[in-house]
Amino acid sequence: MMKRVSFVALCVVALAVVLFSGESRTAEAVTCNPGELAPCSPALMSASPPSSACCSKLKAQQPCLCGYIKNPSLKQYVNSPNAKKVASTCGVPYPKC
């Protein structure tokens, strides 16, 4: 079961990297790349708490979250209950887009 979850998480990250390989920029000059959130995949796919690396990456990608929510390929992951719990645990306000 854990191997399957890890494989799914890896596929999600790989898909995100492929979809966003063109990298977009926000007003704060943050490079929006959902692949940067790879350290969060264990917490997003299970009930485990996010790592400090996850929280750091999530805070860095915070200006990009609305774009991820609006992306049909990423929406189901970013809008999941676990994603909201990870954001809350990391002290990142969940965006209202």
Protein backbone atom coordinates (compact mmCIF):
# COMPACT_ATOMS: atom_id res chain seq x y z
CA MET A 1 0.00 0.00 0.00
CA MET A 2 2.80 2.43 0.93
CA LYS A 3 4.61 1.72 -2.35
CA ARG A 4 1.43 2.56 -4.23
CA VAL A 5 1.02 5.85 -2.34
CA SER A 6 4.67 6.71 -3.01
CA PHE A 7 4.25 5.89 -6.69
CA VAL A 8 1.11 8.05 -6.92
CA ALA A 9 2.90 10.92 -5.17
CA LEU A 10 5.85 10.59 -7.52
CA CYS A 11 3.50 10.61 -10.53
CA VAL A 12 1.75 13.74 -9.23
CA VAL A 13 5.05 15.55 -8.79
CA ALA A 14 6.32 14.39 -12.18
CA LEU A 15 3.11 15.54 -13.87
CA ALA A 16 3.35 18.90 -12.16
CA VAL A 17 6.97 19.33 -13.25
CA VAL A 18 6.09 18.50 -16.85
CA LEU A 19 3.07 20.80 -16.88
CA PHE A 20 4.96 23.69 -15.40
CA SER A 21 8.34 23.29 -17.03
CA GLY A 22 7.71 26.68 -18.67
CA GLU A 23 7.85 28.35 -15.23
CA SER A 24 5.74 31.42 -14.67
CA ARG A 25 6.55 34.34 -12.41
CA THR A 26 4.44 36.33 -9.98
CA ALA A 27 4.73 39.97 -8.96
CA GLU A 28 7.06 38.99 -6.11
CA ALA A 29 9.44 37.35 -8.62
CA VAL A 30 8.76 33.89 -7.19
CA THR A 31 9.23 31.10 -9.70
CA CYS A 32 6.01 29.10 -9.66
CA ASN A 33 6.92 25.45 -9.93
CA PRO A 34 4.67 22.88 -8.24
CA GLY A 35 7.56 20.42 -8.41
CA GLU A 36 9.10 22.49 -5.60
CA LEU A 37 6.39 21.09 -3.34
CA ALA A 38 7.73 17.52 -3.67
CA PRO A 39 8.78 17.48 0.02
CA CYS A 40 5.07 17.86 0.84
CA SER A 41 3.92 14.75 -1.01
CA PRO A 42 4.10 12.41 2.02
CA ALA A 43 1.92 14.79 4.06
CA LEU A 44 -0.47 15.37 1.15
CA MET A 45 -0.96 11.66 0.52
CA SER A 46 -1.37 10.61 4.15
CA ALA A 47 -2.11 11.95 7.58
CA SER A 48 1.57 12.43 8.41
CA PRO A 49 2.64 15.91 9.54
CA PRO A 50 4.52 18.07 7.04
CA SER A 51 8.30 18.26 7.31
CA SER A 52 10.15 21.52 7.86
CA ALA A 53 11.34 21.28 4.23
CA CYS A 54 7.71 21.03 3.11
CA CYS A 55 6.70 24.09 5.14
CA SER A 56 9.65 26.06 3.81
CA LYS A 57 8.77 25.22 0.20
CA LEU A 58 5.07 25.87 0.79
CA LYS A 59 5.83 29.32 2.21
CA ALA A 60 8.07 30.09 -0.78
CA GLN A 61 5.35 28.95 -3.22
CA GLN A 62 2.51 30.74 -1.36
CA PRO A 63 2.07 33.45 -4.05
CA CYS A 64 1.54 30.65 -6.59
CA LEU A 65 -1.17 28.72 -4.75
CA CYS A 66 -4.14 30.37 -6.51
CA GLY A 67 -2.63 29.46 -9.86
CA TYR A 68 -2.27 25.86 -8.72
CA ILE A 69 -5.88 25.83 -7.46
CA LYS A 70 -7.12 27.13 -10.82
CA ASN A 71 -5.15 24.50 -12.75
CA PRO A 72 -7.46 21.54 -13.50
CA SER A 73 -4.53 19.10 -13.30
CA LEU A 74 -3.52 20.23 -9.80
CA LYS A 75 -6.83 21.38 -8.29
CA GLN A 76 -7.79 18.00 -6.80
CA TYR A 77 -4.52 17.86 -4.87
CA VAL A 78 -4.36 21.50 -3.78
CA ASN A 79 -8.02 21.52 -2.70
CA SER A 80 -7.79 18.27 -0.76
CA PRO A 81 -8.44 18.19 3.00
CA ASN A 82 -4.84 17.07 3.56
CA ALA A 83 -3.52 20.06 1.59
CA LYS A 84 -5.55 22.41 3.74
CA LYS A 85 -4.27 20.68 6.87
CA VAL A 86 -0.66 20.93 5.65
CA ALA A 87 -1.08 24.65 4.92
CA SER A 88 -2.58 25.23 8.36
CA THR A 89 0.16 23.25 10.13
CA CYS A 90 2.82 25.22 8.22
CA GLY A 91 1.19 28.54 9.10
CA VAL A 92 0.37 29.33 5.48
CA PRO A 93 -3.11 30.82 5.06
CA TYR A 94 -5.17 28.87 2.56
CA PRO A 95 -5.89 31.30 -0.30
CA LYS A 96 -9.32 32.54 -1.26
CA CYS A 97 -9.04 32.84 -5.01
